């Protein structure tokens, strides 16, 4: 009887990048934020928290994760930070629509 050994491979750099992107939007609140910014770009964290009826700290954390994933761009306007979607985020929203 022959036994086969499992080969454990390390994920490639491409796979790790994809995982980072997917983790960036893999939350219902983050998807809501993406959808909101698709129709109302340039919102600040306070406006986003108000529209979605969530705490500012919660909105801020979700925005941070979206930015890390490369799905948001930030524009500083005085003391406010305005948020808008990247091209990648728009493509992801289009892809998510195909799943719904």
C-alpha atoms as a PDB file:
ATOM      1  CA  UNK A   1       0.000   0.000   0.000  1.00  0.00           C
ATOM      2  CA  UNK A   2       1.385   3.328  -1.074  1.00  0.00           C
ATOM      3  CA  UNK A   3       0.752   6.456   0.933  1.00  0.00           C
ATOM      4  CA  UNK A   4       0.705   9.859  -0.639  1.00  0.00           C
ATOM      5  CA  UNK A   5       2.056  12.822   1.169  1.00  0.00           C
ATOM      6  CA  UNK A   6       0.192  16.066   1.086  1.00  0.00           C
ATOM      7  CA  UNK A   7       2.183  18.845  -0.408  1.00  0.00           C
ATOM      8  CA  UNK A   8       1.633  22.100   1.399  1.00  0.00           C
ATOM      9  CA  UNK A   9       2.307  25.005  -0.869  1.00  0.00           C
ATOM     10  CA  UNK A  10       2.683  28.567   0.180  1.00  0.00           C
ATOM     11  CA  UNK A  11       0.244  30.935  -1.494  1.00  0.00           C
ATOM     12  CA  UNK A  12       1.665  32.940  -4.365  1.00  0.00           C
ATOM     13  CA  UNK A  13       2.028  36.711  -4.195  1.00  0.00           C
ATOM     14  CA  UNK A  14      -0.916  37.017  -6.600  1.00  0.00           C
ATOM     15  CA  UNK A  15      -3.103  34.835  -4.403  1.00  0.00           C
ATOM     16  CA  UNK A  16      -2.197  36.909  -1.332  1.00  0.00           C
ATOM     17  CA  UNK A  17      -3.058  40.149  -3.191  1.00  0.00           C
ATOM     18  CA  UNK A  18      -6.434  38.731  -4.220  1.00  0.00           C
ATOM     19  CA  UNK A  19      -7.127  37.615  -0.662  1.00  0.00           C
ATOM     20  CA  UNK A  20      -6.372  41.140   0.600  1.00  0.00           C
ATOM     21  CA  UNK A  21      -8.841  42.618  -1.889  1.00  0.00           C
ATOM     22  CA  UNK A  22     -11.577  40.101  -1.124  1.00  0.00           C
ATOM     23  CA  UNK A  23     -11.176  40.576   2.618  1.00  0.00           C
ATOM     24  CA  UNK A  24     -11.518  44.294   2.027  1.00  0.00           C
ATOM     25  CA  UNK A  25     -15.123  43.989   0.866  1.00  0.00           C
ATOM     26  CA  UNK A  26     -16.189  40.744   2.568  1.00  0.00           C
ATOM     27  CA  UNK A  27     -18.547  42.382   5.046  1.00  0.00           C
ATOM     28  CA  UNK A  28     -22.111  43.556   4.548  1.00  0.00           C
ATOM     29  CA  UNK A  29     -21.355  47.018   5.965  1.00  0.00           C
ATOM     30  CA  UNK A  30     -18.394  47.481   3.661  1.00  0.00           C
ATOM     31  CA  UNK A  31     -20.512  46.480   0.678  1.00  0.00           C
ATOM     32  CA  UNK A  32     -23.125  49.022   1.815  1.00  0.00           C
ATOM     33  CA  UNK A  33     -20.416  51.679   1.994  1.00  0.00           C
ATOM     34  CA  UNK A  34     -19.239  50.802  -1.517  1.00  0.00           C
ATOM     35  CA  UNK A  35     -22.804  51.021  -2.832  1.00  0.00           C
ATOM     36  CA  UNK A  36     -23.350  54.352  -1.078  1.00  0.00           C
ATOM     37  CA  UNK A  37     -20.139  55.864  -2.429  1.00  0.00           C
ATOM     38  CA  UNK A  38     -20.996  54.637  -5.923  1.00  0.00           C
ATOM     39  CA  UNK A  39     -24.021  56.954  -5.976  1.00  0.00           C
ATOM     40  CA  UNK A  40     -22.731  59.642  -3.564  1.00  0.00           C
ATOM     41  CA  UNK A  41     -18.957  60.025  -3.915  1.00  0.00           C
ATOM     42  CA  UNK A  42     -16.940  62.411  -1.788  1.00  0.00           C
ATOM     43  CA  UNK A  43     -18.671  61.687   1.514  1.00  0.00           C
ATOM     44  CA  UNK A  44     -16.873  62.070   4.831  1.00  0.00           C
ATOM     45  CA  UNK A  45     -17.032  59.488   7.614  1.00  0.00           C
ATOM     46  CA  UNK A  46     -19.724  61.413   9.507  1.00  0.00           C
ATOM     47  CA  UNK A  47     -21.994  61.494   6.475  1.00  0.00           C
ATOM     48  CA  UNK A  48     -21.442  57.800   5.808  1.00  0.00           C
ATOM     49  CA  UNK A  49     -22.220  56.864   9.420  1.00  0.00           C
ATOM     50  CA  UNK A  50     -25.354  59.004   9.331  1.00  0.00           C
ATOM     51  CA  UNK A  51     -26.629  57.569   6.036  1.00  0.00           C
ATOM     52  CA  UNK A  52     -26.017  53.965   7.142  1.00  0.00           C
ATOM     53  CA  UNK A  53     -27.023  54.601  10.765  1.00  0.00           C
ATOM     54  CA  UNK A  54     -23.825  53.199  12.230  1.00  0.00           C
ATOM     55  CA  UNK A  55     -21.335  54.565  14.741  1.00  0.00           C
ATOM     56  CA  UNK A  56     -18.594  56.826  13.392  1.00  0.00           C
ATOM     57  CA  UNK A  57     -15.936  54.509  14.839  1.00  0.00           C
ATOM     58  CA  UNK A  58     -17.496  51.561  13.014  1.00  0.00           C
ATOM     59  CA  UNK A  59     -17.680  53.490   9.730  1.00  0.00           C
ATOM     60  CA  UNK A  60     -14.098  54.640  10.190  1.00  0.00           C
ATOM     61  CA  UNK A  61     -12.824  51.083  10.675  1.00  0.00           C
ATOM     62  CA  UNK A  62     -14.685  49.861   7.591  1.00  0.00           C
ATOM     63  CA  UNK A  63     -13.305  52.751   5.546  1.00  0.00           C
ATOM     64  CA  UNK A  64      -9.805  51.915   6.771  1.00  0.00           C
ATOM     65  CA  UNK A  65     -10.172  48.308   5.614  1.00  0.00           C
ATOM     66  CA  UNK A  66     -11.576  49.371   2.246  1.00  0.00           C
ATOM     67  CA  UNK A  67      -8.632  51.737   1.759  1.00  0.00           C
ATOM     68  CA  UNK A  68      -6.112  49.023   2.653  1.00  0.00           C
ATOM     69  CA  UNK A  69      -7.711  46.812  -0.003  1.00  0.00           C
ATOM     70  CA  UNK A  70      -7.264  49.593  -2.555  1.00  0.00           C
ATOM     71  CA  UNK A  71     -10.999  50.199  -2.941  1.00  0.00           C
ATOM     72  CA  UNK A  72     -11.101  53.808  -1.725  1.00  0.00           C
ATOM     73  CA  UNK A  73      -9.262  57.004  -2.423  1.00  0.00           C
ATOM     74  CA  UNK A  74      -9.168  59.735   0.184  1.00  0.00           C
ATOM     75  CA  UNK A  75      -9.157  63.443  -0.514  1.00  0.00           C
ATOM     76  CA  UNK A  76      -8.329  65.834   2.273  1.00  0.00           C
ATOM     77  CA  UNK A  77     -10.557  68.926   2.368  1.00  0.00           C
ATOM     78  CA  UNK A  78      -9.555  71.044   5.337  1.00  0.00           C
ATOM     79  CA  UNK A  79     -10.318  68.994   8.445  1.00  0.00           C
ATOM     80  CA  UNK A  80     -12.490  66.515   6.560  1.00  0.00           C
ATOM     81  CA  UNK A  81     -11.470  63.465   4.595  1.00  0.00           C
ATOM     82  CA  UNK A  82     -13.639  62.762   1.559  1.00  0.00           C
ATOM     83  CA  UNK A  83     -13.922  59.202   0.246  1.00  0.00           C
ATOM     84  CA  UNK A  84     -14.492  57.958  -3.285  1.00  0.00           C
ATOM     85  CA  UNK A  85     -14.291  54.598  -5.015  1.00  0.00           C
ATOM     86  CA  UNK A  86     -11.361  53.432  -7.085  1.00  0.00           C
ATOM     87  CA  UNK A  87     -11.843  51.834 -10.495  1.00  0.00           C
ATOM     88  CA  UNK A  88     -11.253  48.471  -8.839  1.00  0.00           C
ATOM     89  CA  UNK A  89     -14.142  49.103  -6.425  1.00  0.00           C
ATOM     90  CA  UNK A  90     -16.459  49.954  -9.315  1.00  0.00           C
ATOM     91  CA  UNK A  91     -15.478  46.708 -11.055  1.00  0.00           C
ATOM     92  CA  UNK A  92     -16.067  44.740  -7.852  1.00  0.00           C
ATOM     93  CA  UNK A  93     -19.543  46.259  -7.444  1.00  0.00           C
ATOM     94  CA  UNK A  94     -20.303  45.246 -11.029  1.00  0.00           C
ATOM     95  CA  UNK A  95     -19.132  41.716 -10.281  1.00  0.00           C
ATOM     96  CA  UNK A  96     -21.212  41.556  -7.097  1.00  0.00           C
ATOM     97  CA  UNK A  97     -24.289  42.571  -9.109  1.00  0.00           C
ATOM     98  CA  UNK A  98     -23.828  39.479 -11.274  1.00  0.00           C
ATOM     99  CA  UNK A  99     -24.031  37.331  -8.131  1.00  0.00           C
ATOM    100  CA  UNK A 100     -27.210  38.879  -6.735  1.00  0.00           C
END
